[in-house]
Amino acid sequence: MEEKRKLLRKQGKPQVIDEDDPEKYKQAVKVLTMKLFADLERKRRTLEAKISEDAAKKRAAELEAEEKRDMVRPEVDGLLCVR
């Protein structure tokens, strides 16, 4: 609100802004609150997606390492163990 007043003062206009009306102020606060919560929700979803993606990559790497380990088993009594 102070920024709006300062801008109006620089432009030489009356310093009456919409937020001076209690109803419009309430509406402005409500809109700002909704925007902030929407941003938080968006960030939360992004973080959850990233965590899920990282877990999937880690699991895929573990499976790949396990497959490699199973494919290359040491020889037992001169025989090669292959599954």
C-alpha atoms as a PDB file:
ATOM      1  CA  MET A   1       0.000   0.000   0.000  1.00  0.00           C
ATOM      2  CA  GLU A   2       2.842   2.347   0.811  1.00  0.00           C
ATOM      3  CA  GLU A   3       4.362   1.679  -2.606  1.00  0.00           C
ATOM      4  CA  LYS A   4       1.095   2.615  -4.299  1.00  0.00           C
ATOM      5  CA  ARG A   5       0.865   5.841  -2.293  1.00  0.00           C
ATOM      6  CA  LYS A   6       4.480   6.690  -3.070  1.00  0.00           C
ATOM      7  CA  LEU A   7       3.896   6.089  -6.792  1.00  0.00           C
ATOM      8  CA  LEU A   8       0.771   8.286  -6.771  1.00  0.00           C
ATOM      9  CA  ARG A   9       2.644  11.003  -4.881  1.00  0.00           C
ATOM     10  CA  LYS A  10       5.409  10.976  -7.513  1.00  0.00           C
ATOM     11  CA  GLN A  11       2.818  11.229 -10.283  1.00  0.00           C
ATOM     12  CA  GLY A  12       1.124  14.143  -8.527  1.00  0.00           C
ATOM     13  CA  LYS A  13      -2.216  12.361  -8.192  1.00  0.00           C
ATOM     14  CA  PRO A  14      -4.449  12.099  -5.092  1.00  0.00           C
ATOM     15  CA  GLN A  15      -3.170   9.494  -2.659  1.00  0.00           C
ATOM     16  CA  VAL A  16      -6.471   7.654  -2.279  1.00  0.00           C
ATOM     17  CA  ILE A  17      -6.113   3.955  -3.050  1.00  0.00           C
ATOM     18  CA  ASP A  18      -8.613   1.108  -3.195  1.00  0.00           C
ATOM     19  CA  GLU A  19      -7.283  -0.520  -0.029  1.00  0.00           C
ATOM     20  CA  ASP A  20      -8.448   2.484   2.025  1.00  0.00           C
ATOM     21  CA  ASP A  21     -11.970   1.005   1.816  1.00  0.00           C
ATOM     22  CA  PRO A  22     -12.263  -1.764   4.482  1.00  0.00           C
ATOM     23  CA  GLU A  23     -14.176  -4.114   2.146  1.00  0.00           C
ATOM     24  CA  LYS A  24     -11.663  -3.740  -0.665  1.00  0.00           C
ATOM     25  CA  TYR A  25      -8.826  -4.167   1.837  1.00  0.00           C
ATOM     26  CA  LYS A  26     -10.370  -7.428   3.063  1.00  0.00           C
ATOM     27  CA  GLN A  27     -10.717  -8.627  -0.513  1.00  0.00           C
ATOM     28  CA  ALA A  28      -7.097  -7.710  -1.297  1.00  0.00           C
ATOM     29  CA  VAL A  29      -5.880  -9.607   1.788  1.00  0.00           C
ATOM     30  CA  LYS A  30      -8.019 -12.610   0.844  1.00  0.00           C
ATOM     31  CA  VAL A  31      -6.657 -12.659  -2.713  1.00  0.00           C
ATOM     32  CA  LEU A  32      -3.069 -12.351  -1.502  1.00  0.00           C
ATOM     33  CA  THR A  33      -3.584 -15.150   1.027  1.00  0.00           C
ATOM     34  CA  MET A  34      -5.015 -17.456  -1.648  1.00  0.00           C
ATOM     35  CA  LYS A  35      -2.078 -16.732  -3.945  1.00  0.00           C
ATOM     36  CA  LEU A  36       0.420 -17.512  -1.198  1.00  0.00           C
ATOM     37  CA  PHE A  37      -1.267 -20.802  -0.315  1.00  0.00           C
ATOM     38  CA  ALA A  38      -1.473 -21.745  -3.996  1.00  0.00           C
ATOM     39  CA  ASP A  39       2.269 -21.095  -4.355  1.00  0.00           C
ATOM     40  CA  LEU A  40       2.990 -23.237  -1.292  1.00  0.00           C
ATOM     41  CA  GLU A  41       0.847 -26.060  -2.680  1.00  0.00           C
ATOM     42  CA  ARG A  42       2.599 -25.849  -6.046  1.00  0.00           C
ATOM     43  CA  LYS A  43       6.009 -26.007  -4.356  1.00  0.00           C
ATOM     44  CA  ARG A  44       4.900 -28.946  -2.191  1.00  0.00           C
ATOM     45  CA  ARG A  45       3.712 -30.916  -5.225  1.00  0.00           C
ATOM     46  CA  THR A  46       6.936 -30.163  -7.100  1.00  0.00           C
ATOM     47  CA  LEU A  47       9.008 -31.333  -4.144  1.00  0.00           C
ATOM     48  CA  GLU A  48       6.951 -34.532  -3.779  1.00  0.00           C
ATOM     49  CA  ALA A  49       7.368 -35.275  -7.486  1.00  0.00           C
ATOM     50  CA  LYS A  50      11.116 -34.747  -7.247  1.00  0.00           C
ATOM     51  CA  ILE A  51      11.401 -37.024  -4.210  1.00  0.00           C
ATOM     52  CA  SER A  52       9.354 -39.700  -5.951  1.00  0.00           C
ATOM     53  CA  GLU A  53      11.446 -39.440  -9.111  1.00  0.00           C
ATOM     54  CA  ASP A  54      14.686 -39.680  -7.132  1.00  0.00           C
ATOM     55  CA  ALA A  55      13.425 -42.770  -5.290  1.00  0.00           C
ATOM     56  CA  ALA A  56      12.469 -44.415  -8.589  1.00  0.00           C
ATOM     57  CA  LYS A  57      15.918 -43.694 -10.055  1.00  0.00           C
ATOM     58  CA  LYS A  58      17.605 -45.076  -6.955  1.00  0.00           C
ATOM     59  CA  ARG A  59      15.493 -48.251  -7.080  1.00  0.00           C
ATOM     60  CA  ALA A  60      16.240 -48.721 -10.792  1.00  0.00           C
ATOM     61  CA  ALA A  61      19.963 -48.355 -10.116  1.00  0.00           C
ATOM     62  CA  GLU A  62      19.748 -50.901  -7.292  1.00  0.00           C
ATOM     63  CA  LEU A  63      17.954 -53.389  -9.535  1.00  0.00           C
ATOM     64  CA  GLU A  64      20.521 -52.897 -12.288  1.00  0.00           C
ATOM     65  CA  ALA A  65      23.394 -53.434  -9.850  1.00  0.00           C
ATOM     66  CA  GLU A  66      21.711 -56.559  -8.513  1.00  0.00           C
ATOM     67  CA  GLU A  67      21.255 -57.943 -12.036  1.00  0.00           C
ATOM     68  CA  LYS A  68      24.919 -57.322 -12.834  1.00  0.00           C
ATOM     69  CA  ARG A  69      25.960 -58.997  -9.611  1.00  0.00           C
ATOM     70  CA  ASP A  70      23.781 -62.038 -10.366  1.00  0.00           C
ATOM     71  CA  MET A  71      25.066 -62.328 -13.938  1.00  0.00           C
ATOM     72  CA  VAL A  72      28.731 -62.315 -12.941  1.00  0.00           C
ATOM     73  CA  ARG A  73      29.023 -64.970 -10.248  1.00  0.00           C
ATOM     74  CA  PRO A  74      32.353 -66.513  -9.373  1.00  0.00           C
ATOM     75  CA  GLU A  75      33.195 -69.968 -10.692  1.00  0.00           C
ATOM     76  CA  VAL A  76      32.445 -72.781  -8.307  1.00  0.00           C
ATOM     77  CA  ASP A  77      34.641 -75.859  -8.750  1.00  0.00           C
ATOM     78  CA  GLY A  78      35.495 -74.910 -12.303  1.00  0.00           C
ATOM     79  CA  LEU A  79      31.854 -74.456 -13.315  1.00  0.00           C
ATOM     80  CA  LEU A  80      30.379 -71.114 -14.185  1.00  0.00           C
ATOM     81  CA  CYS A  81      27.147 -70.361 -12.349  1.00  0.00           C
ATOM     82  CA  VAL A  82      24.703 -68.541 -14.563  1.00  0.00           C
ATOM     83  CA  ARG A  83      21.110 -67.891 -13.705  1.00  0.00           C
END
